Amino acid sequence: MEQRAISRAGRKASVVGLGTWQLGADWGQVSERDAMAVLDAAAESGVTFFDTADVYGDGRSEQLIAAYLRNRPDAGIMVATKMGRRAEQVPENYVLDNFRAWTDRSRDNLGTDTLDLVQLHCPPTPVFSSDEVYDALDTLVEEQRIAAYGVSVETCEEALAAIARPGTASVQIILNPFRLKPLERVLPAAREAGVAVIARVPLASGLLSGRYSADTRFAPDDHRSYNRHGEAFDQGETFSGVDFAIGVAAAREFARFAPEGASSAQTALRWIIQQPGVTTVIPGARSPEQARANAAAAALPPLPPATLEAVRELYDRLIRAQVHDRW
């Protein structure tokens, strides 16, 4: 699989990575056996980038990755984790002492002395403009607790603030055919600065798989049930902030853009991969089959200009009014 540089971390990542929110059991229960099978299928398919967070299953996702990699020390996997969402979301909590405690916990969970990449996990907006925050992150690098740091953001303005900082190695942002705003300023700025872009929520919480109808119901412990209006965290994390019924209709149209032999989900991933400035896209998977299918999107030929234009027309017609000015 193609590998793209995370230049400021001195590493490379597969263009299709693996998001492991599902493995924390925040999308319904996933057994340890099933989680290991997903990790194995991804790695065997050429994935070299696993994305996790200390809050996914309150550390379960990190611990599962550690258990998997203990038996595969030569797998060449870069593990990116995140910190901050286990604490009250106030800027005052984003200080060096807490950063040390949070990264110590992730180091224990992941069984490593130095974390490959640590991302601030969608903190309050003022955090992105704080000199003290970046000084603290630099200190973590100096102390070899972490090799590099980045940010996970909700808004394009937050991304731009982080990209302007010389130590930021990566920006993780929602990017998919239902969330086009990052194409305007964030991706060009990241390319110019040499900052990696990690595209998350690539299938709009499954909408772009084309498998759902307006009548689809999700388990009570699945965020697609309890966070549709931002009840638990930012609404944009669930279905990319798109109304579910409208998203289902838009996904039905998007499915028509799939080239022969490709699924709707693979088409969405291929669309993301070919956006200039994207380093890696991190779809989740709850089964080995999903992990392999996601990885296979990297081998698809680029979508033609007519398809790219059709995606934009669909976005402008059905999606833009709901999300473009909000995030």
C-alpha atoms as a PDB file:
ATOM      1  CA  MET A   1       0.000   0.000   0.000  1.00  0.00           C
ATOM      2  CA  GLU A   2       1.168   3.537  -0.720  1.00  0.00           C
ATOM      3  CA  GLN A   3       2.911   5.203   2.236  1.00  0.00           C
ATOM      4  CA  ARG A   4       2.816   8.973   2.743  1.00  0.00           C
ATOM      5  CA  ALA A   5       5.105  11.034   4.929  1.00  0.00           C
ATOM      6  CA  ILE A   6       4.288  12.461   8.321  1.00  0.00           C
ATOM      7  CA  SER A   7       7.286  14.688   7.842  1.00  0.00           C
ATOM      8  CA  ARG A   8       7.517  16.353  11.240  1.00  0.00           C
ATOM      9  CA  ALA A   9       7.324  12.943  12.935  1.00  0.00           C
ATOM     10  CA  GLY A  10       9.911  11.391  10.632  1.00  0.00           C
ATOM     11  CA  ARG A  11       7.522   8.542   9.826  1.00  0.00           C
ATOM     12  CA  LYS A  12       5.293   7.321   7.050  1.00  0.00           C
ATOM     13  CA  ALA A  13       1.704   6.108   7.176  1.00  0.00           C
ATOM     14  CA  SER A  14      -0.336   3.942   4.857  1.00  0.00           C
ATOM     15  CA  VAL A  15      -2.853   5.990   2.858  1.00  0.00           C
ATOM     16  CA  VAL A  16      -5.581   3.875   4.448  1.00  0.00           C
ATOM     17  CA  GLY A  17      -5.115   3.523   8.183  1.00  0.00           C
ATOM     18  CA  LEU A  18      -7.377   2.021  10.825  1.00  0.00           C
ATOM     19  CA  GLY A  19      -9.517   3.976  13.254  1.00  0.00           C
ATOM     20  CA  THR A  20     -10.144   2.001  16.436  1.00  0.00           C
ATOM     21  CA  TRP A  21     -13.010   3.861  18.099  1.00  0.00           C
ATOM     22  CA  GLN A  22     -15.186   0.814  17.403  1.00  0.00           C
ATOM     23  CA  LEU A  23     -12.765  -1.457  19.245  1.00  0.00           C
ATOM     24  CA  GLY A  24     -13.332   0.532  22.411  1.00  0.00           C
ATOM     25  CA  ALA A  25     -16.942  -0.723  22.219  1.00  0.00           C
ATOM     26  CA  ASP A  26     -18.430   2.750  21.815  1.00  0.00           C
ATOM     27  CA  TRP A  27     -20.359   1.571  18.728  1.00  0.00           C
ATOM     28  CA  GLY A  28     -21.821  -1.514  20.392  1.00  0.00           C
ATOM     29  CA  GLN A  29     -19.932  -4.429  21.873  1.00  0.00           C
ATOM     30  CA  VAL A  30     -16.870  -5.850  20.104  1.00  0.00           C
ATOM     31  CA  SER A  31     -15.210  -8.913  21.659  1.00  0.00           C
ATOM     32  CA  GLU A  32     -11.454  -9.095  22.204  1.00  0.00           C
ATOM     33  CA  ARG A  33     -11.252 -11.933  19.688  1.00  0.00           C
ATOM     34  CA  ASP A  34     -13.077  -9.897  17.054  1.00  0.00           C
ATOM     35  CA  ALA A  35     -10.909  -6.848  17.782  1.00  0.00           C
ATOM     36  CA  MET A  36      -7.717  -8.861  17.303  1.00  0.00           C
ATOM     37  CA  ALA A  37      -9.052 -10.223  14.029  1.00  0.00           C
ATOM     38  CA  VAL A  38      -9.738  -6.679  12.793  1.00  0.00           C
ATOM     39  CA  LEU A  39      -6.238  -5.485  13.713  1.00  0.00           C
ATOM     40  CA  ASP A  40      -4.696  -8.518  12.043  1.00  0.00           C
ATOM     41  CA  ALA A  41      -6.731  -8.125   8.848  1.00  0.00           C
ATOM     42  CA  ALA A  42      -5.758  -4.468   8.603  1.00  0.00           C
ATOM     43  CA  ALA A  43      -2.050  -5.132   9.110  1.00  0.00           C
ATOM     44  CA  GLU A  44      -2.078  -8.018   6.636  1.00  0.00           C
ATOM     45  CA  SER A  45      -3.698  -5.688   4.093  1.00  0.00           C
ATOM     46  CA  GLY A  46      -0.835  -3.210   4.291  1.00  0.00           C
ATOM     47  CA  VAL A  47      -2.158  -0.821   6.940  1.00  0.00           C
ATOM     48  CA  THR A  48       0.695   0.697   8.970  1.00  0.00           C
ATOM     49  CA  PHE A  49      -1.201   3.388  10.903  1.00  0.00           C
ATOM     50  CA  PHE A  50      -3.543   2.693  13.829  1.00  0.00           C
ATOM     51  CA  ASP A  51      -5.427   5.617  15.396  1.00  0.00           C
ATOM     52  CA  THR A  52      -6.789   5.324  18.920  1.00  0.00           C
ATOM     53  CA  ALA A  53      -7.493   7.460  22.020  1.00  0.00           C
ATOM     54  CA  ASP A  54      -7.303   7.149  25.785  1.00  0.00           C
ATOM     55  CA  VAL A  55     -11.058   7.626  25.970  1.00  0.00           C
ATOM     56  CA  TYR A  56     -12.015   4.829  23.549  1.00  0.00           C
ATOM     57  CA  GLY A  57     -13.483   2.312  25.945  1.00  0.00           C
ATOM     58  CA  ASP A  58     -11.630   4.228  28.681  1.00  0.00           C
ATOM     59  CA  GLY A  59      -8.341   2.731  27.471  1.00  0.00           C
ATOM     60  CA  ARG A  60      -9.637  -0.573  26.099  1.00  0.00           C
ATOM     61  CA  SER A  61      -8.735   0.287  22.519  1.00  0.00           C
ATOM     62  CA  GLU A  62      -5.155   1.202  23.502  1.00  0.00           C
ATOM     63  CA  GLN A  63      -4.808  -1.998  25.512  1.00  0.00           C
ATOM     64  CA  LEU A  64      -6.065  -4.165  22.655  1.00  0.00           C
ATOM     65  CA  ILE A  65      -3.569  -2.584  20.263  1.00  0.00           C
ATOM     66  CA  ALA A  66      -0.773  -3.203  22.771  1.00  0.00           C
ATOM     67  CA  ALA A  67      -1.780  -6.847  23.128  1.00  0.00           C
ATOM     68  CA  TYR A  68      -1.819  -7.254  19.371  1.00  0.00           C
ATOM     69  CA  LEU A  69       1.576  -5.622  18.818  1.00  0.00           C
ATOM     70  CA  ARG A  70       3.291  -7.516  21.634  1.00  0.00           C
ATOM     71  CA  ASN A  71       3.235 -10.600  19.442  1.00  0.00           C
ATOM     72  CA  ARG A  72       4.176  -8.633  16.303  1.00  0.00           C
ATOM     73  CA  PRO A  73       7.078  -6.362  17.272  1.00  0.00           C
ATOM     74  CA  ASP A  74       8.217  -6.104  13.652  1.00  0.00           C
ATOM     75  CA  ALA A  75       4.825  -5.148  12.212  1.00  0.00           C
ATOM     76  CA  GLY A  76       5.967  -1.588  11.520  1.00  0.00           C
ATOM     77  CA  ILE A  77       2.753  -0.046  12.864  1.00  0.00           C
ATOM     78  CA  MET A  78       2.689   3.608  13.863  1.00  0.00           C
ATOM     79  CA  VAL A  79       0.191   4.129  16.694  1.00  0.00           C
ATOM     80  CA  ALA A  80      -1.390   7.546  17.122  1.00  0.00           C
ATOM     81  CA  THR A  81      -3.346   8.124  20.293  1.00  0.00           C
ATOM     82  CA  LYS A  82      -5.186  11.125  21.712  1.00  0.00           C
ATOM     83  CA  MET A  83      -5.533  12.742  25.113  1.00  0.00           C
ATOM     84  CA  GLY A  84      -7.748  15.161  26.969  1.00  0.00           C
ATOM     85  CA  ARG A  85     -11.319  13.918  26.696  1.00  0.00           C
ATOM     86  CA  ARG A  86     -11.249  12.041  29.996  1.00  0.00           C
ATOM     87  CA  ALA A  87     -11.042  15.363  31.842  1.00  0.00           C
ATOM     88  CA  GLU A  88     -13.486  18.235  32.200  1.00  0.00           C
ATOM     89  CA  GLN A  89     -13.416  20.220  28.962  1.00  0.00           C
ATOM     90  CA  VAL A  90     -12.024  23.527  30.200  1.00  0.00           C
ATOM     91  CA  PRO A  91      -8.835  25.198  28.917  1.00  0.00           C
ATOM     92  CA  GLU A  92      -7.370  25.230  32.427  1.00  0.00           C
ATOM     93  CA  ASN A  93      -6.948  21.444  32.302  1.00  0.00           C
ATOM     94  CA  TYR A  94      -4.571  21.591  29.321  1.00  0.00           C
ATOM     95  CA  VAL A  95      -1.343  21.995  31.295  1.00  0.00           C
ATOM     96  CA  LEU A  96       1.962  20.140  31.484  1.00  0.00           C
ATOM     97  CA  ASP A  97       1.244  18.203  34.692  1.00  0.00           C
ATOM     98  CA  ASN A  98      -1.960  16.804  33.218  1.00  0.00           C
ATOM     99  CA  PHE A  99      -0.247  16.084  29.905  1.00  0.00           C
ATOM    100  CA  ARG A 100       2.357  14.043  31.766  1.00  0.00           C
ATOM    101  CA  ALA A 101      -0.310  12.101  33.669  1.00  0.00           C
ATOM    102  CA  TRP A 102      -2.413  11.497  30.557  1.00  0.00           C
ATOM    103  CA  THR A 103       0.525  10.324  28.461  1.00  0.00           C
ATOM    104  CA  ASP A 104       1.804   8.138  31.302  1.00  0.00           C
ATOM    105  CA  ARG A 105      -1.523   6.330  31.302  1.00  0.00           C
ATOM    106  CA  SER A 106      -1.420   5.848  27.524  1.00  0.00           C
ATOM    107  CA  ARG A 107       2.205   4.687  27.720  1.00  0.00           C
ATOM    108  CA  ASP A 108       1.097   2.045  30.222  1.00  0.00           C
ATOM    109  CA  ASN A 109      -1.906   1.059  28.138  1.00  0.00           C
ATOM    110  CA  LEU A 110       0.164   0.797  24.952  1.00  0.00           C
ATOM    111  CA  GLY A 111       3.174  -0.798  26.645  1.00  0.00           C
ATOM    112  CA  THR A 112       5.708   1.677  25.319  1.00  0.00           C
ATOM    113  CA  ASP A 113       8.134   4.214  26.752  1.00  0.00           C
ATOM    114  CA  THR A 114       7.629   6.714  23.916  1.00  0.00           C
ATOM    115  CA  LEU A 115       4.296   7.252  22.198  1.00  0.00           C
ATOM    116  CA  ASP A 116       4.600   7.588  18.405  1.00  0.00           C
ATOM    117  CA  LEU A 117       2.108  10.430  18.056  1.00  0.00           C
ATOM    118  CA  VAL A 118      -0.142  12.086  20.625  1.00  0.00           C
ATOM    119  CA  GLN A 119      -3.007  14.319  19.529  1.00  0.00           C
ATOM    120  CA  LEU A 120      -4.983  16.790  21.587  1.00  0.00           C
ATOM    121  CA  HIS A 121      -8.467  15.295  21.368  1.00  0.00           C
ATOM    122  CA  CYS A 122     -10.779  18.072  20.195  1.00  0.00           C
ATOM    123  CA  PRO A 123     -10.096  20.354  23.168  1.00  0.00           C
ATOM    124  CA  PRO A 124     -11.870  23.672  23.835  1.00  0.00           C
ATOM    125  CA  THR A 125     -11.146  26.148  21.057  1.00  0.00           C
ATOM    126  CA  PRO A 126      -8.917  28.513  23.126  1.00  0.00           C
ATOM    127  CA  VAL A 127      -6.441  25.652  23.653  1.00  0.00           C
ATOM    128  CA  PHE A 128      -5.375  25.828  20.011  1.00  0.00           C
ATOM    129  CA  SER A 129      -4.096  29.395  20.458  1.00  0.00           C
ATOM    130  CA  SER A 130      -2.251  28.923  23.763  1.00  0.00           C
ATOM    131  CA  ASP A 131       1.535  29.310  23.720  1.00  0.00           C
ATOM    132  CA  GLU A 132       1.713  27.457  27.022  1.00  0.00           C
ATOM    133  CA  VAL A 133      -0.027  24.414  25.533  1.00  0.00           C
ATOM    134  CA  TYR A 134       2.481  24.084  22.695  1.00  0.00           C
ATOM    135  CA  ASP A 135       5.378  24.689  25.092  1.00  0.00           C
ATOM    136  CA  ALA A 136       4.067  21.819  27.223  1.00  0.00           C
ATOM    137  CA  LEU A 137       3.781  19.553  24.203  1.00  0.00           C
ATOM    138  CA  ASP A 138       7.335  20.431  23.207  1.00  0.00           C
ATOM    139  CA  THR A 139       8.419  19.472  26.716  1.00  0.00           C
ATOM    140  CA  LEU A 140       6.827  16.036  26.317  1.00  0.00           C
ATOM    141  CA  VAL A 141       8.912  15.538  23.189  1.00  0.00           C
ATOM    142  CA  GLU A 142      12.070  16.685  25.004  1.00  0.00           C
ATOM    143  CA  GLU A 143      11.303  14.241  27.828  1.00  0.00           C
ATOM    144  CA  GLN A 144      10.857  11.464  25.234  1.00  0.00           C
ATOM    145  CA  ARG A 145       7.383  10.651  26.518  1.00  0.00           C
ATOM    146  CA  ILE A 146       6.162  11.265  22.982  1.00  0.00           C
ATOM    147  CA  ALA A 147       7.927  11.309  19.620  1.00  0.00           C
ATOM    148  CA  ALA A 148       5.600  13.866  18.035  1.00  0.00           C
ATOM    149  CA  TYR A 149       2.321  15.652  18.609  1.00  0.00           C
ATOM    150  CA  GLY A 150      -0.673  16.755  16.647  1.00  0.00           C
ATOM    151  CA  VAL A 151      -4.259  17.851  17.125  1.00  0.00           C
ATOM    152  CA  SER A 152      -7.705  16.512  16.408  1.00  0.00           C
ATOM    153  CA  VAL A 153     -10.121  19.330  15.623  1.00  0.00           C
ATOM    154  CA  GLU A 154     -13.777  20.023  15.072  1.00  0.00           C
ATOM    155  CA  THR A 155     -13.496  23.177  12.985  1.00  0.00           C
ATOM    156  CA  CYS A 156     -11.372  24.423  10.119  1.00  0.00           C
ATOM    157  CA  GLU A 157     -10.341  27.491  12.125  1.00  0.00           C
ATOM    158  CA  GLU A 158      -8.970  25.263  14.885  1.00  0.00           C
ATOM    159  CA  ALA A 159      -6.999  23.317  12.281  1.00  0.00           C
ATOM    160  CA  LEU A 160      -5.504  26.478  10.814  1.00  0.00           C
ATOM    161  CA  ALA A 161      -4.425  27.698  14.260  1.00  0.00           C
ATOM    162  CA  ALA A 162      -2.585  24.426  14.914  1.00  0.00           C
ATOM    163  CA  ILE A 163      -1.009  24.255  11.446  1.00  0.00           C
ATOM    164  CA  ALA A 164       0.616  27.638  12.107  1.00  0.00           C
ATOM    165  CA  ARG A 165       2.596  26.174  15.031  1.00  0.00           C
ATOM    166  CA  PRO A 166       6.057  24.849  14.088  1.00  0.00           C
ATOM    167  CA  GLY A 167       5.863  21.729  16.245  1.00  0.00           C
ATOM    168  CA  THR A 168       2.523  20.421  14.996  1.00  0.00           C
ATOM    169  CA  ALA A 169       3.112  17.179  13.092  1.00  0.00           C
ATOM    170  CA  SER A 170      -0.478  16.367  12.170  1.00  0.00           C
ATOM    171  CA  VAL A 171      -4.023  17.634  12.062  1.00  0.00           C
ATOM    172  CA  GLN A 172      -6.904  15.205  12.253  1.00  0.00           C
ATOM    173  CA  ILE A 173     -10.141  16.543  10.798  1.00  0.00           C
ATOM    174  CA  ILE A 174     -13.470  15.275   9.517  1.00  0.00           C
ATOM    175  CA  LEU A 175     -13.227  14.987   5.752  1.00  0.00           C
ATOM    176  CA  ASN A 176     -15.530  13.040   3.477  1.00  0.00           C
ATOM    177  CA  PRO A 177     -17.884  13.682   0.532  1.00  0.00           C
ATOM    178  CA  PHE A 178     -20.379  15.128   3.023  1.00  0.00           C
ATOM    179  CA  ARG A 179     -17.794  17.486   4.611  1.00  0.00           C
ATOM    180  CA  LEU A 180     -15.936  19.485   1.954  1.00  0.00           C
ATOM    181  CA  LYS A 181     -14.967  22.677   3.768  1.00  0.00           C
ATOM    182  CA  PRO A 182     -11.430  21.486   4.695  1.00  0.00           C
ATOM    183  CA  LEU A 183     -10.606  21.453   0.977  1.00  0.00           C
ATOM    184  CA  GLU A 184     -10.795  25.233   0.837  1.00  0.00           C
ATOM    185  CA  ARG A 185      -8.069  26.320   3.280  1.00  0.00           C
ATOM    186  CA  VAL A 186      -7.004  23.534   5.637  1.00  0.00           C
ATOM    187  CA  LEU A 187      -5.537  21.086   3.130  1.00  0.00           C
ATOM    188  CA  PRO A 188      -3.616  23.769   1.195  1.00  0.00           C
ATOM    189  CA  ALA A 189      -2.228  25.256   4.412  1.00  0.00           C
ATOM    190  CA  ALA A 190      -1.173  21.844   5.702  1.00  0.00           C
ATOM    191  CA  ARG A 191       0.584  21.010   2.444  1.00  0.00           C
ATOM    192  CA  GLU A 192       2.489  24.280   2.494  1.00  0.00           C
ATOM    193  CA  ALA A 193       3.532  23.833   6.133  1.00  0.00           C
ATOM    194  CA  GLY A 194       4.445  20.153   5.849  1.00  0.00           C
ATOM    195  CA  VAL A 195       1.763  19.090   8.324  1.00  0.00           C
ATOM    196  CA  ALA A 196       0.140  15.693   7.859  1.00  0.00           C
ATOM    197  CA  VAL A 197      -3.634  15.508   7.438  1.00  0.00           C
ATOM    198  CA  ILE A 198      -5.455  12.566   9.010  1.00  0.00           C
ATOM    199  CA  ALA A 199      -8.979  12.298   7.610  1.00  0.00           C
ATOM    200  CA  ARG A 200     -11.450  10.943  10.133  1.00  0.00           C
ATOM    201  CA  VAL A 201     -15.171  10.030  10.017  1.00  0.00           C
ATOM    202  CA  PRO A 202     -14.547   9.177   6.344  1.00  0.00           C
ATOM    203  CA  LEU A 203     -17.841   7.349   5.878  1.00  0.00           C
ATOM    204  CA  ALA A 204     -19.943   9.832   7.858  1.00  0.00           C
ATOM    205  CA  SER A 205     -20.512   7.273  10.630  1.00  0.00           C
ATOM    206  CA  GLY A 206     -21.450   4.656   8.066  1.00  0.00           C
ATOM    207  CA  LEU A 207     -23.860   6.745   5.999  1.00  0.00           C
ATOM    208  CA  LEU A 208     -21.565   6.581   2.969  1.00  0.00           C
ATOM    209  CA  SER A 209     -21.521   2.796   3.112  1.00  0.00           C
ATOM    210  CA  GLY A 210     -24.990   2.996   1.569  1.00  0.00           C
ATOM    211  CA  ARG A 211     -26.242   0.260   3.904  1.00  0.00           C
ATOM    212  CA  TYR A 212     -28.763   2.299   5.885  1.00  0.00           C
ATOM    213  CA  SER A 213     -32.372   3.258   5.310  1.00  0.00           C
ATOM    214  CA  ALA A 214     -34.435   5.893   7.062  1.00  0.00           C
ATOM    215  CA  ASP A 215     -35.773   3.085   9.281  1.00  0.00           C
ATOM    216  CA  THR A 216     -32.363   1.805  10.447  1.00  0.00           C
ATOM    217  CA  ARG A 217     -32.011   1.633  14.209  1.00  0.00           C
ATOM    218  CA  PHE A 218     -28.765   1.461  16.186  1.00  0.00           C
ATOM    219  CA  ALA A 219     -28.008  -0.033  19.593  1.00  0.00           C
ATOM    220  CA  PRO A 220     -28.656   2.234  22.597  1.00  0.00           C
ATOM    221  CA  ASP A 221     -24.916   2.279  23.422  1.00  0.00           C
ATOM    222  CA  ASP A 222     -24.020   3.322  19.865  1.00  0.00           C
ATOM    223  CA  HIS A 223     -23.308   7.059  19.505  1.00  0.00           C
ATOM    224  CA  ARG A 224     -25.434   7.018  16.349  1.00  0.00           C
ATOM    225  CA  SER A 225     -28.391   6.587  18.696  1.00  0.00           C
ATOM    226  CA  TYR A 226     -27.496   8.901  21.561  1.00  0.00           C
ATOM    227  CA  ASN A 227     -25.523  11.746  19.939  1.00  0.00           C
ATOM    228  CA  ARG A 228     -27.507  12.736  16.845  1.00  0.00           C
ATOM    229  CA  HIS A 229     -28.041  16.218  18.194  1.00  0.00           C
ATOM    230  CA  GLY A 230     -24.762  16.581  20.103  1.00  0.00           C
ATOM    231  CA  GLU A 231     -26.099  15.306  23.410  1.00  0.00           C
ATOM    232  CA  ALA A 232     -22.787  13.674  24.441  1.00  0.00           C
ATOM    233  CA  PHE A 233     -20.103  15.397  22.317  1.00  0.00           C
ATOM    234  CA  ASP A 234     -19.844  17.498  19.182  1.00  0.00           C
ATOM    235  CA  GLN A 235     -22.720  16.744  16.832  1.00  0.00           C
ATOM    236  CA  GLY A 236     -20.364  16.751  13.862  1.00  0.00           C
ATOM    237  CA  GLU A 237     -18.825  13.470  15.035  1.00  0.00           C
ATOM    238  CA  THR A 238     -22.095  11.639  14.360  1.00  0.00           C
ATOM    239  CA  PHE A 239     -23.088  11.360  10.679  1.00  0.00           C
ATOM    240  CA  SER A 240     -20.751  14.353  10.101  1.00  0.00           C
ATOM    241  CA  GLY A 241     -23.519  16.542  11.520  1.00  0.00           C
ATOM    242  CA  VAL A 242     -25.902  15.647   8.690  1.00  0.00           C
ATOM    243  CA  ASP A 243     -29.550  14.943   9.445  1.00  0.00           C
ATOM    244  CA  PHE A 244     -29.902  11.171   9.247  1.00  0.00           C
ATOM    245  CA  ALA A 245     -32.819  11.044   6.804  1.00  0.00           C
ATOM    246  CA  ILE A 246     -31.182  13.564   4.471  1.00  0.00           C
ATOM    247  CA  GLY A 247     -27.903  11.694   4.773  1.00  0.00           C
ATOM    248  CA  VAL A 248     -29.539   8.420   3.788  1.00  0.00           C
ATOM    249  CA  ALA A 249     -31.016  10.043   0.695  1.00  0.00           C
ATOM    250  CA  ALA A 250     -27.697  11.659  -0.224  1.00  0.00           C
ATOM    251  CA  ALA A 251     -25.843   8.376   0.319  1.00  0.00           C
ATOM    252  CA  ARG A 252     -28.256   6.646  -2.045  1.00  0.00           C
ATOM    253  CA  GLU A 253     -27.288   9.138  -4.734  1.00  0.00           C
ATOM    254  CA  PHE A 254     -23.588   8.879  -3.885  1.00  0.00           C
ATOM    255  CA  ALA A 255     -23.691   5.112  -4.391  1.00  0.00           C
ATOM    256  CA  ARG A 256     -24.323   5.709  -8.100  1.00  0.00           C
ATOM    257  CA  PHE A 257     -20.830   7.178  -8.409  1.00  0.00           C
ATOM    258  CA  ALA A 258     -19.120   3.911  -7.488  1.00  0.00           C
ATOM    259  CA  PRO A 259     -16.993   2.481 -10.302  1.00  0.00           C
ATOM    260  CA  GLU A 260     -17.588  -1.087 -11.403  1.00  0.00           C
ATOM    261  CA  GLY A 261     -16.420  -3.545  -8.786  1.00  0.00           C
ATOM    262  CA  ALA A 262     -16.158  -0.963  -5.989  1.00  0.00           C
ATOM    263  CA  SER A 263     -18.519  -0.408  -3.079  1.00  0.00           C
ATOM    264  CA  SER A 264     -19.936   2.928  -2.018  1.00  0.00           C
ATOM    265  CA  ALA A 265     -17.655   2.927   1.036  1.00  0.00           C
ATOM    266  CA  GLN A 266     -14.568   2.229  -1.067  1.00  0.00           C
ATOM    267  CA  THR A 267     -15.556   5.035  -3.420  1.00  0.00           C
ATOM    268  CA  ALA A 268     -15.785   7.473  -0.509  1.00  0.00           C
ATOM    269  CA  LEU A 269     -12.363   6.393   0.730  1.00  0.00           C
ATOM    270  CA  ARG A 270     -10.886   6.701  -2.758  1.00  0.00           C
ATOM    271  CA  TRP A 271     -12.334  10.230  -3.001  1.00  0.00           C
ATOM    272  CA  ILE A 272     -10.541  11.184   0.223  1.00  0.00           C
ATOM    273  CA  ILE A 273      -7.234   9.553  -0.702  1.00  0.00           C
ATOM    274  CA  GLN A 274      -6.927  11.601  -3.872  1.00  0.00           C
ATOM    275  CA  GLN A 275      -7.550  14.981  -2.238  1.00  0.00           C
ATOM    276  CA  PRO A 276      -4.224  16.908  -2.363  1.00  0.00           C
ATOM    277  CA  GLY A 277      -2.785  17.177   1.123  1.00  0.00           C
ATOM    278  CA  VAL A 278      -4.365  14.071   2.658  1.00  0.00           C
ATOM    279  CA  THR A 279      -1.814  11.806   4.343  1.00  0.00           C
ATOM    280  CA  THR A 280      -4.010   8.987   5.611  1.00  0.00           C
ATOM    281  CA  VAL A 281      -7.687   8.201   6.059  1.00  0.00           C
ATOM    282  CA  ILE A 282      -8.765   6.205   9.113  1.00  0.00           C
ATOM    283  CA  PRO A 283     -11.984   4.243   8.601  1.00  0.00           C
ATOM    284  CA  GLY A 284     -13.031   1.997  11.442  1.00  0.00           C
ATOM    285  CA  ALA A 285     -13.979  -1.640  11.114  1.00  0.00           C
ATOM    286  CA  ARG A 286     -15.909  -4.110  13.219  1.00  0.00           C
ATOM    287  CA  SER A 287     -14.986  -7.188  11.189  1.00  0.00           C
ATOM    288  CA  PRO A 288     -11.946  -8.462   9.282  1.00  0.00           C
ATOM    289  CA  GLU A 289     -13.953  -8.249   6.080  1.00  0.00           C
ATOM    290  CA  GLN A 290     -14.578  -4.542   6.622  1.00  0.00           C
ATOM    291  CA  ALA A 291     -10.904  -3.923   7.372  1.00  0.00           C
ATOM    292  CA  ARG A 292      -9.817  -5.686   4.178  1.00  0.00           C
ATOM    293  CA  ALA A 293     -12.408  -3.910   2.058  1.00  0.00           C
ATOM    294  CA  ASN A 294     -11.362  -0.536   3.440  1.00  0.00           C
ATOM    295  CA  ALA A 295      -7.709  -1.241   2.711  1.00  0.00           C
ATOM    296  CA  ALA A 296      -8.567  -2.302  -0.831  1.00  0.00           C
ATOM    297  CA  ALA A 297      -9.757   1.244  -1.584  1.00  0.00           C
ATOM    298  CA  ALA A 298      -6.093   2.259  -1.788  1.00  0.00           C
ATOM    299  CA  ALA A 299      -5.702   0.174  -4.941  1.00  0.00           C
ATOM    300  CA  LEU A 300      -8.629   1.723  -6.808  1.00  0.00           C
ATOM    301  CA  PRO A 301      -7.785   4.040  -9.700  1.00  0.00           C
ATOM    302  CA  PRO A 302      -8.415   7.755  -9.130  1.00  0.00           C
ATOM    303  CA  LEU A 303     -11.983   8.867  -9.602  1.00  0.00           C
ATOM    304  CA  PRO A 304     -12.461  10.795 -12.865  1.00  0.00           C
ATOM    305  CA  PRO A 305     -13.146  14.560 -12.936  1.00  0.00           C
ATOM    306  CA  ALA A 306     -16.806  13.982 -13.793  1.00  0.00           C
ATOM    307  CA  THR A 307     -17.271  12.008 -10.572  1.00  0.00           C
ATOM    308  CA  LEU A 308     -15.500  14.645  -8.508  1.00  0.00           C
ATOM    309  CA  GLU A 309     -17.809  17.281  -9.953  1.00  0.00           C
ATOM    310  CA  ALA A 310     -20.857  15.127  -9.258  1.00  0.00           C
ATOM    311  CA  VAL A 311     -19.787  14.746  -5.623  1.00  0.00           C
ATOM    312  CA  ARG A 312     -19.532  18.511  -5.237  1.00  0.00           C
ATOM    313  CA  GLU A 313     -22.934  19.061  -6.879  1.00  0.00           C
ATOM    314  CA  LEU A 314     -24.515  16.548  -4.495  1.00  0.00           C
ATOM    315  CA  TYR A 315     -22.886  18.265  -1.535  1.00  0.00           C
ATOM    316  CA  ASP A 316     -23.994  21.714  -2.638  1.00  0.00           C
ATOM    317  CA  ARG A 317     -27.547  20.570  -3.227  1.00  0.00           C
ATOM    318  CA  LEU A 318     -28.250  18.440  -0.147  1.00  0.00           C
ATOM    319  CA  ILE A 319     -25.517  18.842   2.472  1.00  0.00           C
ATOM    320  CA  ARG A 320     -23.834  22.238   2.375  1.00  0.00           C
ATOM    321  CA  ALA A 321     -26.561  24.194   4.150  1.00  0.00           C
ATOM    322  CA  GLN A 322     -26.396  21.875   7.161  1.00  0.00           C
ATOM    323  CA  VAL A 323     -22.657  21.699   7.776  1.00  0.00           C
ATOM    324  CA  HIS A 324     -20.530  24.117   5.778  1.00  0.00           C
ATOM    325  CA  ASP A 325     -20.770  27.222   7.932  1.00  0.00           C
ATOM    326  CA  ARG A 326     -20.867  25.348  11.210  1.00  0.00           C
ATOM    327  CA  TRP A 327     -17.534  23.515  11.142  1.00  0.00           C
END
